Each structure stands twice: as structure tokens, then as C-alpha cells.
């Protein structure tokens, strides 16, 4: 997890630089109030847990057919009275369930 991202989650207006992604090498700029290391580490754990919990979203995003293909499926489903599009979307969701 990137330390700078965790800091910006705590204070979006923080001006900071981190050398070598090392929590012991943080430089605070332009009067930004330093955030305690323990708070940064806790936020890093929280952000990582959130990222991990949403893996299914990233998996689904790559598994869905393209928008063009989905629109084509919907068109032909409408013409033919079929459920190709619904079936394709349901399969992606079943293969990549929410955690």
C-alpha cells in the first residue's frame, strides 16, 4: 500500500513527500500538520482491506462483454425474444460473487 495514498485518505489537502515508500521518511510541506505514524498505518490496513474486499468488482469488470457486444446482445434478444444478454451478465456475476 502506498503511504502517500493513505495520508491523502486521512487529509486530502496534505502536502507530503515520502522517500522510498518508507513511513520513517516522510517530509511534510507547506505547513501540513504531521499525521502520527500509527494513524497512517491504521489507514493503510483499512484501505488495503477495502481494496481486497472489492476484488470481485475488478474481476467482473474484465469478465463482462464489451459494451458494444452487450448492446448487440440486447438488440438481438429484443428481436428474437431471447435472454442472451441477461444470461451473460448473470454468468459473470455468478462466477465473481460479492465477498
N, C-alpha and C. Protein backbone atom coordinates (compact mmCIF):
# COMPACT_ATOMS: atom_id res chain seq x y z
N UNK A 1 0.85 -1.19 0.00
CA UNK A 1 0.00 0.00 0.00
C UNK A 1 0.89 1.24 0.00
N UNK A 2 0.53 2.17 -0.80
CA UNK A 2 1.26 3.42 -0.91
C UNK A 2 0.96 4.32 0.29
N UNK A 3 2.00 4.75 0.97
CA UNK A 3 1.86 5.60 2.16
C UNK A 3 1.20 6.92 1.81
N UNK A 4 1.58 7.50 0.70
CA UNK A 4 1.01 8.79 0.30
C UNK A 4 -0.50 8.67 0.11
N UNK A 5 -0.95 7.58 -0.48
CA UNK A 5 -2.40 7.39 -0.67
C UNK A 5 -3.11 7.32 0.67
N UNK A 6 -2.52 6.63 1.64
CA UNK A 6 -3.14 6.54 2.97
C UNK A 6 -3.20 7.92 3.62
N UNK A 7 -2.12 8.68 3.49
CA UNK A 7 -2.10 10.03 4.07
C UNK A 7 -3.19 10.89 3.44
N UNK A 8 -3.33 10.81 2.12
CA UNK A 8 -4.33 11.63 1.43
C UNK A 8 -5.76 11.17 1.73
N UNK A 9 -5.94 9.93 2.14
CA UNK A 9 -7.26 9.48 2.58
C UNK A 9 -7.61 10.13 3.93
N UNK A 10 -6.59 10.33 4.75
CA UNK A 10 -6.80 10.98 6.04
C UNK A 10 -6.96 12.49 5.87
N UNK A 11 -6.07 13.08 5.06
CA UNK A 11 -6.09 14.53 4.84
C UNK A 11 -5.88 14.80 3.36
N UNK A 12 -6.98 14.95 2.60
CA UNK A 12 -6.87 15.14 1.16
C UNK A 12 -6.05 16.35 0.72
N UNK A 13 -5.87 17.32 1.60
CA UNK A 13 -5.11 18.50 1.20
C UNK A 13 -3.67 18.46 1.72
N UNK A 14 -3.25 17.34 2.26
CA UNK A 14 -1.88 17.23 2.78
C UNK A 14 -0.87 17.39 1.66
N UNK A 15 0.20 18.08 1.97
CA UNK A 15 1.32 18.20 1.05
C UNK A 15 2.48 17.46 1.69
N UNK A 16 2.87 16.38 1.05
CA UNK A 16 3.81 15.46 1.68
C UNK A 16 4.65 14.76 0.61
N UNK A 17 5.84 14.38 0.99
CA UNK A 17 6.64 13.50 0.14
C UNK A 17 7.15 12.37 1.02
N UNK A 18 7.24 11.19 0.41
CA UNK A 18 7.68 10.00 1.13
C UNK A 18 8.83 9.40 0.33
N UNK A 19 9.95 9.24 0.99
CA UNK A 19 11.13 8.68 0.33
C UNK A 19 11.06 7.15 0.39
N UNK A 20 11.16 6.51 -0.76
CA UNK A 20 11.23 5.05 -0.89
C UNK A 20 10.03 4.34 -0.24
N UNK A 21 8.87 5.00 -0.22
CA UNK A 21 7.67 4.44 0.40
C UNK A 21 7.95 3.93 1.82
N UNK A 22 8.78 4.68 2.55
CA UNK A 22 9.19 4.33 3.91
C UNK A 22 8.50 5.28 4.89
N UNK A 23 7.71 4.71 5.78
CA UNK A 23 6.94 5.52 6.73
C UNK A 23 7.84 6.34 7.66
N UNK A 24 9.10 5.98 7.75
CA UNK A 24 10.05 6.73 8.57
C UNK A 24 10.73 7.85 7.80
N UNK A 25 10.37 8.00 6.52
CA UNK A 25 10.99 9.03 5.70
C UNK A 25 9.92 9.93 5.07
N UNK A 26 9.08 10.49 5.90
CA UNK A 26 8.00 11.38 5.46
C UNK A 26 8.44 12.82 5.69
N UNK A 27 8.25 13.65 4.67
CA UNK A 27 8.51 15.08 4.79
C UNK A 27 7.19 15.81 4.56
N UNK A 28 6.80 16.60 5.54
CA UNK A 28 5.56 17.37 5.46
C UNK A 28 5.88 18.75 4.92
N UNK A 29 5.08 19.23 3.96
CA UNK A 29 5.36 20.50 3.28
C UNK A 29 4.27 21.54 3.55
N UNK A 30 4.67 22.81 3.42
CA UNK A 30 3.76 23.96 3.44
C UNK A 30 2.80 23.97 4.61
N UNK A 31 3.32 23.66 5.78
CA UNK A 31 2.51 23.76 6.99
C UNK A 31 1.54 22.62 7.21
N UNK A 32 1.64 21.56 6.43
CA UNK A 32 0.75 20.41 6.65
C UNK A 32 1.04 19.83 8.02
N UNK A 33 0.00 19.63 8.80
CA UNK A 33 0.16 19.06 10.13
C UNK A 33 0.52 17.58 9.99
N UNK A 34 1.63 17.17 10.58
CA UNK A 34 2.02 15.76 10.50
C UNK A 34 0.96 14.84 11.10
N UNK A 35 0.79 13.70 10.49
CA UNK A 35 -0.15 12.69 10.96
C UNK A 35 0.69 11.61 11.66
N UNK A 36 0.27 11.18 12.85
CA UNK A 36 1.04 10.15 13.55
C UNK A 36 1.17 8.87 12.71
N UNK A 37 2.34 8.23 12.83
CA UNK A 37 2.60 7.00 12.08
C UNK A 37 1.53 5.94 12.34
N UNK A 38 1.10 5.81 13.59
CA UNK A 38 0.09 4.80 13.93
C UNK A 38 -1.21 5.04 13.16
N UNK A 39 -1.58 6.30 12.98
CA UNK A 39 -2.80 6.63 12.23
C UNK A 39 -2.63 6.28 10.75
N UNK A 40 -1.45 6.56 10.22
CA UNK A 40 -1.17 6.23 8.82
C UNK A 40 -1.20 4.72 8.62
N UNK A 41 -0.55 3.99 9.52
CA UNK A 41 -0.53 2.53 9.41
C UNK A 41 -1.93 1.94 9.52
N UNK A 42 -2.75 2.48 10.42
CA UNK A 42 -4.13 2.00 10.55
C UNK A 42 -4.92 2.27 9.28
N UNK A 43 -4.72 3.45 8.68
CA UNK A 43 -5.43 3.78 7.45
C UNK A 43 -4.96 2.88 6.31
N UNK A 44 -3.67 2.56 6.28
CA UNK A 44 -3.14 1.66 5.25
C UNK A 44 -3.82 0.29 5.33
N UNK A 45 -3.99 -0.22 6.54
CA UNK A 45 -4.66 -1.51 6.73
C UNK A 45 -6.12 -1.42 6.28
N UNK A 46 -6.78 -0.34 6.65
CA UNK A 46 -8.19 -0.13 6.28
C UNK A 46 -8.36 -0.06 4.76
N UNK A 47 -7.50 0.71 4.10
CA UNK A 47 -7.59 0.87 2.65
C UNK A 47 -7.29 -0.46 1.95
N UNK A 48 -6.31 -1.19 2.44
CA UNK A 48 -5.98 -2.49 1.84
C UNK A 48 -7.14 -3.47 2.00
N UNK A 49 -7.77 -3.47 3.17
CA UNK A 49 -8.92 -4.35 3.40
C UNK A 49 -10.07 -4.01 2.46
N UNK A 50 -10.31 -2.72 2.26
CA UNK A 50 -11.36 -2.28 1.34
C UNK A 50 -11.03 -2.72 -0.09
N UNK A 51 -9.78 -2.54 -0.47
CA UNK A 51 -9.34 -2.96 -1.81
C UNK A 51 -9.53 -4.46 -1.99
N UNK A 52 -9.11 -5.23 -1.01
CA UNK A 52 -9.23 -6.69 -1.09
C UNK A 52 -10.69 -7.13 -1.15
N UNK A 53 -11.55 -6.46 -0.38
CA UNK A 53 -12.97 -6.82 -0.33
C UNK A 53 -13.68 -6.54 -1.65
N UNK A 54 -13.11 -5.67 -2.47
CA UNK A 54 -13.74 -5.32 -3.74
C UNK A 54 -13.08 -5.99 -4.94
N UNK A 55 -12.34 -7.06 -4.71
CA UNK A 55 -11.70 -7.79 -5.81
C UNK A 55 -12.73 -8.26 -6.83
N UNK A 56 -13.90 -8.67 -6.35
CA UNK A 56 -14.93 -9.15 -7.26
C UNK A 56 -15.29 -8.09 -8.30
N UNK A 57 -15.26 -6.81 -7.92
CA UNK A 57 -15.59 -5.74 -8.87
C UNK A 57 -14.56 -5.68 -10.00
N UNK A 58 -13.30 -5.81 -9.64
CA UNK A 58 -12.25 -5.77 -10.66
C UNK A 58 -12.33 -7.01 -11.55
N UNK A 59 -12.65 -8.15 -10.96
CA UNK A 59 -12.79 -9.38 -11.74
C UNK A 59 -13.97 -9.28 -12.70
N UNK A 60 -15.08 -8.76 -12.22
CA UNK A 60 -16.26 -8.60 -13.08
C UNK A 60 -15.98 -7.64 -14.24
N UNK A 61 -15.29 -6.55 -13.93
CA UNK A 61 -15.03 -5.54 -14.95
C UNK A 61 -14.30 -6.12 -16.15
N UNK A 62 -13.40 -7.05 -15.92
CA UNK A 62 -12.66 -7.65 -17.03
C UNK A 62 -13.42 -8.81 -17.67
N UNK A 63 -14.39 -9.37 -16.94
CA UNK A 63 -15.13 -10.52 -17.46
C UNK A 63 -16.37 -10.15 -18.28
N UNK A 64 -16.92 -8.96 -18.04
CA UNK A 64 -18.11 -8.57 -18.79
C UNK A 64 -17.78 -8.43 -20.28
N UNK A 65 -18.75 -8.78 -21.13
CA UNK A 65 -18.56 -8.50 -22.55
C UNK A 65 -18.45 -6.98 -22.76
N UNK A 66 -17.85 -6.58 -23.87
CA UNK A 66 -17.73 -5.15 -24.16
C UNK A 66 -19.13 -4.53 -24.26
N UNK A 67 -19.19 -3.23 -24.09
CA UNK A 67 -20.47 -2.52 -24.20
C UNK A 67 -21.08 -2.77 -25.58
N UNK A 68 -20.25 -2.75 -26.62
CA UNK A 68 -20.76 -2.99 -27.97
C UNK A 68 -21.40 -4.37 -28.07
N UNK A 69 -20.73 -5.37 -27.49
CA UNK A 69 -21.29 -6.73 -27.53
C UNK A 69 -22.57 -6.82 -26.71
N UNK A 70 -22.60 -6.13 -25.57
CA UNK A 70 -23.81 -6.16 -24.74
C UNK A 70 -24.98 -5.51 -25.47
N UNK A 71 -24.73 -4.40 -26.14
CA UNK A 71 -25.80 -3.74 -26.89
C UNK A 71 -26.30 -4.63 -28.03
N UNK A 72 -25.37 -5.30 -28.68
CA UNK A 72 -25.76 -6.22 -29.76
C UNK A 72 -26.60 -7.37 -29.20
N UNK A 73 -26.19 -7.91 -28.05
CA UNK A 73 -26.97 -8.98 -27.41
C UNK A 73 -28.38 -8.49 -27.08
N UNK A 74 -28.47 -7.27 -26.52
CA UNK A 74 -29.78 -6.73 -26.16
C UNK A 74 -30.65 -6.54 -27.41
N UNK A 75 -30.06 -6.05 -28.48
CA UNK A 75 -30.82 -5.86 -29.72
C UNK A 75 -31.39 -7.19 -30.20
N UNK A 76 -30.51 -8.20 -30.28
CA UNK A 76 -30.97 -9.48 -30.80
C UNK A 76 -31.91 -10.19 -29.83
N UNK A 77 -31.72 -9.99 -28.54
CA UNK A 77 -32.67 -10.53 -27.57
C UNK A 77 -34.05 -9.92 -27.80
N UNK A 78 -34.11 -8.63 -28.08
CA UNK A 78 -35.37 -7.95 -28.33
C UNK A 78 -36.02 -8.48 -29.61
N UNK A 79 -35.21 -8.68 -30.62
CA UNK A 79 -35.74 -9.19 -31.90
C UNK A 79 -36.21 -10.64 -31.78
N UNK A 80 -35.39 -11.46 -31.11
CA UNK A 80 -35.63 -12.91 -31.07
C UNK A 80 -36.37 -13.40 -29.83
N UNK A 81 -36.61 -12.51 -28.87
CA UNK A 81 -37.28 -12.93 -27.64
C UNK A 81 -36.39 -13.85 -26.79
N UNK A 82 -35.08 -13.66 -26.87
CA UNK A 82 -34.14 -14.49 -26.12
C UNK A 82 -33.60 -13.74 -24.90
N UNK A 83 -32.76 -14.40 -24.13
CA UNK A 83 -32.18 -13.80 -22.91
C UNK A 83 -30.66 -13.91 -22.91
N UNK A 84 -30.06 -13.81 -24.08
CA UNK A 84 -28.61 -13.96 -24.19
C UNK A 84 -27.87 -12.97 -23.30
N UNK A 85 -28.27 -11.71 -23.35
CA UNK A 85 -27.60 -10.68 -22.55
C UNK A 85 -27.77 -10.96 -21.05
N UNK A 86 -29.00 -11.20 -20.62
CA UNK A 86 -29.24 -11.48 -19.20
C UNK A 86 -28.43 -12.69 -18.74
N UNK A 87 -28.36 -13.72 -19.57
CA UNK A 87 -27.61 -14.92 -19.23
C UNK A 87 -26.12 -14.62 -19.10
N UNK A 88 -25.58 -13.81 -20.01
CA UNK A 88 -24.16 -13.47 -19.99
C UNK A 88 -23.82 -12.68 -18.73
N UNK A 89 -24.65 -11.71 -18.39
CA UNK A 89 -24.40 -10.90 -17.20
C UNK A 89 -24.55 -11.74 -15.94
N UNK A 90 -25.57 -12.59 -15.88
CA UNK A 90 -25.78 -13.46 -14.72
C UNK A 90 -24.59 -14.41 -14.52
N UNK A 91 -24.01 -14.89 -15.61
CA UNK A 91 -22.86 -15.79 -15.50
C UNK A 91 -21.65 -15.06 -14.92
N UNK A 92 -21.40 -13.85 -15.37
CA UNK A 92 -20.27 -13.08 -14.82
C UNK A 92 -20.48 -12.85 -13.33
N UNK A 93 -21.70 -12.50 -12.95
CA UNK A 93 -21.99 -12.26 -11.53
C UNK A 93 -21.86 -13.55 -10.71
N UNK A 94 -22.32 -14.66 -11.27
CA UNK A 94 -22.23 -15.94 -10.55
C UNK A 94 -20.77 -16.40 -10.43
N UNK A 95 -19.99 -16.17 -11.47
CA UNK A 95 -18.58 -16.56 -11.45
C UNK A 95 -17.73 -15.68 -10.55
N UNK A 96 -18.20 -14.47 -10.26
CA UNK A 96 -17.46 -13.49 -9.45
C UNK A 96 -18.37 -12.91 -8.39
N UNK A 97 -18.76 -13.72 -7.40
CA UNK A 97 -19.72 -13.24 -6.40
C UNK A 97 -19.12 -12.19 -5.47
N UNK A 98 -20.01 -11.37 -4.92
CA UNK A 98 -19.58 -10.41 -3.89
C UNK A 98 -19.06 -11.20 -2.70
N UNK A 99 -18.03 -10.66 -2.06
CA UNK A 99 -17.48 -11.38 -0.91
C UNK A 99 -18.30 -11.16 0.33
